[in-house]
Amino acid sequence: MEVTLSPRITKLVEQQIASGQYDSIDELLEVALSLLAKRDQYDQWVREVGEKIDIATQQLDRGEGVDGNTAISQLRQRLAQRQD
């Protein structure tokens, strides 16, 4: 695959290679693409958590929630059951 880079990106790549942190452009691109994939996963996680928060907020608005002490008690009971 051949890729044409803009002068700005070419300079960034050259700086990274010159720093000695990466032995080749392939290694640099592998790291960069890996980080991009991780960022995409994080963005997806943030969206999912946001959706769950929205659902929970709606449930609380409808009076479907429990108070904090009850929630902690229920979590402790579940934990104790799993340890048995």
C-alpha atoms as a PDB file:
ATOM      1  CA  MET A   1       0.000   0.000   0.000  1.00  0.00           C
ATOM      2  CA  GLU A   2       1.285   3.388  -0.862  1.00  0.00           C
ATOM      3  CA  VAL A   3       0.246   6.415   1.142  1.00  0.00           C
ATOM      4  CA  THR A   4       0.920  10.049   0.430  1.00  0.00           C
ATOM      5  CA  LEU A   5       1.382  12.090   3.567  1.00  0.00           C
ATOM      6  CA  SER A   6       0.955  15.808   3.926  1.00  0.00           C
ATOM      7  CA  PRO A   7       4.116  17.761   4.711  1.00  0.00           C
ATOM      8  CA  ARG A   8       2.916  18.286   8.289  1.00  0.00           C
ATOM      9  CA  ILE A   9       2.344  14.551   8.883  1.00  0.00           C
ATOM     10  CA  THR A  10       5.618  13.688   7.139  1.00  0.00           C
ATOM     11  CA  LYS A  11       7.459  16.010   9.521  1.00  0.00           C
ATOM     12  CA  LEU A  12       5.733  14.421  12.543  1.00  0.00           C
ATOM     13  CA  VAL A  13       6.664  10.935  11.367  1.00  0.00           C
ATOM     14  CA  GLU A  14      10.255  11.971  10.738  1.00  0.00           C
ATOM     15  CA  GLN A  15      10.463  13.552  14.197  1.00  0.00           C
ATOM     16  CA  GLN A  16       9.179  10.389  15.851  1.00  0.00           C
ATOM     17  CA  ILE A  17      11.624   8.173  13.966  1.00  0.00           C
ATOM     18  CA  ALA A  18      14.493  10.595  14.682  1.00  0.00           C
ATOM     19  CA  SER A  19      13.661  10.503  18.402  1.00  0.00           C
ATOM     20  CA  GLY A  20      14.762   6.869  18.450  1.00  0.00           C
ATOM     21  CA  GLN A  21      11.575   5.738  20.114  1.00  0.00           C
ATOM     22  CA  TYR A  22      10.510   3.843  16.971  1.00  0.00           C
ATOM     23  CA  ASP A  23      12.762   1.786  14.709  1.00  0.00           C
ATOM     24  CA  SER A  24      10.630   2.123  11.598  1.00  0.00           C
ATOM     25  CA  ILE A  25       7.622   3.810  10.096  1.00  0.00           C
ATOM     26  CA  ASP A  26       5.811   0.458  10.302  1.00  0.00           C
ATOM     27  CA  GLU A  27       6.398   0.312  14.064  1.00  0.00           C
ATOM     28  CA  LEU A  28       5.239   3.913  14.470  1.00  0.00           C
ATOM     29  CA  LEU A  29       2.085   3.259  12.463  1.00  0.00           C
ATOM     30  CA  GLU A  30       1.353   0.065  14.395  1.00  0.00           C
ATOM     31  CA  VAL A  31       1.534   1.957  17.692  1.00  0.00           C
ATOM     32  CA  ALA A  32      -0.518   4.861  16.325  1.00  0.00           C
ATOM     33  CA  LEU A  33      -3.236   2.583  14.956  1.00  0.00           C
ATOM     34  CA  SER A  34      -3.325   0.604  18.189  1.00  0.00           C
ATOM     35  CA  LEU A  35      -3.839   3.824  20.153  1.00  0.00           C
ATOM     36  CA  LEU A  36      -6.551   4.884  17.716  1.00  0.00           C
ATOM     37  CA  ALA A  37      -8.363   1.575  18.251  1.00  0.00           C
ATOM     38  CA  LYS A  38      -8.122   2.015  22.027  1.00  0.00           C
ATOM     39  CA  ARG A  39      -9.512   5.538  21.731  1.00  0.00           C
ATOM     40  CA  ASP A  40     -12.408   4.236  19.662  1.00  0.00           C
ATOM     41  CA  GLN A  41     -13.119   1.578  22.308  1.00  0.00           C
ATOM     42  CA  TYR A  42     -12.994   4.239  25.022  1.00  0.00           C
ATOM     43  CA  ASP A  43     -15.359   6.491  23.063  1.00  0.00           C
ATOM     44  CA  GLN A  44     -17.791   3.579  22.696  1.00  0.00           C
ATOM     45  CA  TRP A  45     -17.552   2.873  26.437  1.00  0.00           C
ATOM     46  CA  VAL A  46     -18.265   6.544  27.214  1.00  0.00           C
ATOM     47  CA  ARG A  47     -21.354   6.456  24.957  1.00  0.00           C
ATOM     48  CA  GLU A  48     -22.615   3.261  26.607  1.00  0.00           C
ATOM     49  CA  VAL A  49     -22.080   4.632  30.117  1.00  0.00           C
ATOM     50  CA  GLY A  50     -23.844   7.848  29.127  1.00  0.00           C
ATOM     51  CA  GLU A  51     -26.819   5.850  27.878  1.00  0.00           C
ATOM     52  CA  LYS A  52     -26.941   3.855  31.120  1.00  0.00           C
ATOM     53  CA  ILE A  53     -26.805   7.067  33.145  1.00  0.00           C
ATOM     54  CA  ASP A  54     -29.679   8.485  31.097  1.00  0.00           C
ATOM     55  CA  ILE A  55     -31.746   5.347  31.730  1.00  0.00           C
ATOM     56  CA  ALA A  56     -30.942   5.425  35.440  1.00  0.00           C
ATOM     57  CA  THR A  57     -31.871   9.103  35.658  1.00  0.00           C
ATOM     58  CA  GLN A  58     -35.209   8.417  34.010  1.00  0.00           C
ATOM     59  CA  GLN A  59     -35.830   5.545  36.415  1.00  0.00           C
ATOM     60  CA  LEU A  60     -35.040   7.738  39.391  1.00  0.00           C
ATOM     61  CA  ASP A  61     -37.334  10.451  38.045  1.00  0.00           C
ATOM     62  CA  ARG A  62     -40.129   7.860  37.962  1.00  0.00           C
ATOM     63  CA  GLY A  63     -39.391   6.874  41.565  1.00  0.00           C
ATOM     64  CA  GLU A  64     -37.961   3.492  40.647  1.00  0.00           C
ATOM     65  CA  GLY A  65     -34.690   3.929  42.518  1.00  0.00           C
ATOM     66  CA  VAL A  66     -33.585   2.928  45.989  1.00  0.00           C
ATOM     67  CA  ASP A  67     -31.733   5.024  48.520  1.00  0.00           C
ATOM     68  CA  GLY A  68     -27.972   4.699  48.870  1.00  0.00           C
ATOM     69  CA  ASN A  69     -28.001   2.670  52.088  1.00  0.00           C
ATOM     70  CA  THR A  70     -30.383   0.120  50.594  1.00  0.00           C
ATOM     71  CA  ALA A  71     -28.277  -0.139  47.427  1.00  0.00           C
ATOM     72  CA  ILE A  72     -25.093  -0.728  49.440  1.00  0.00           C
ATOM     73  CA  SER A  73     -26.837  -3.327  51.567  1.00  0.00           C
ATOM     74  CA  GLN A  74     -28.061  -5.156  48.460  1.00  0.00           C
ATOM     75  CA  LEU A  75     -24.568  -5.097  46.950  1.00  0.00           C
ATOM     76  CA  ARG A  76     -23.059  -6.492  50.148  1.00  0.00           C
ATOM     77  CA  GLN A  77     -25.632  -9.292  50.182  1.00  0.00           C
ATOM     78  CA  ARG A  78     -24.812 -10.210  46.568  1.00  0.00           C
ATOM     79  CA  LEU A  79     -21.117 -10.198  47.361  1.00  0.00           C
ATOM     80  CA  ALA A  80     -21.622 -12.416  50.405  1.00  0.00           C
ATOM     81  CA  GLN A  81     -23.676 -14.891  48.325  1.00  0.00           C
ATOM     82  CA  ARG A  82     -20.912 -15.127  45.719  1.00  0.00           C
ATOM     83  CA  GLN A  83     -18.311 -15.839  48.387  1.00  0.00           C
ATOM     84  CA  ASP A  84     -20.274 -18.806  49.751  1.00  0.00           C
END
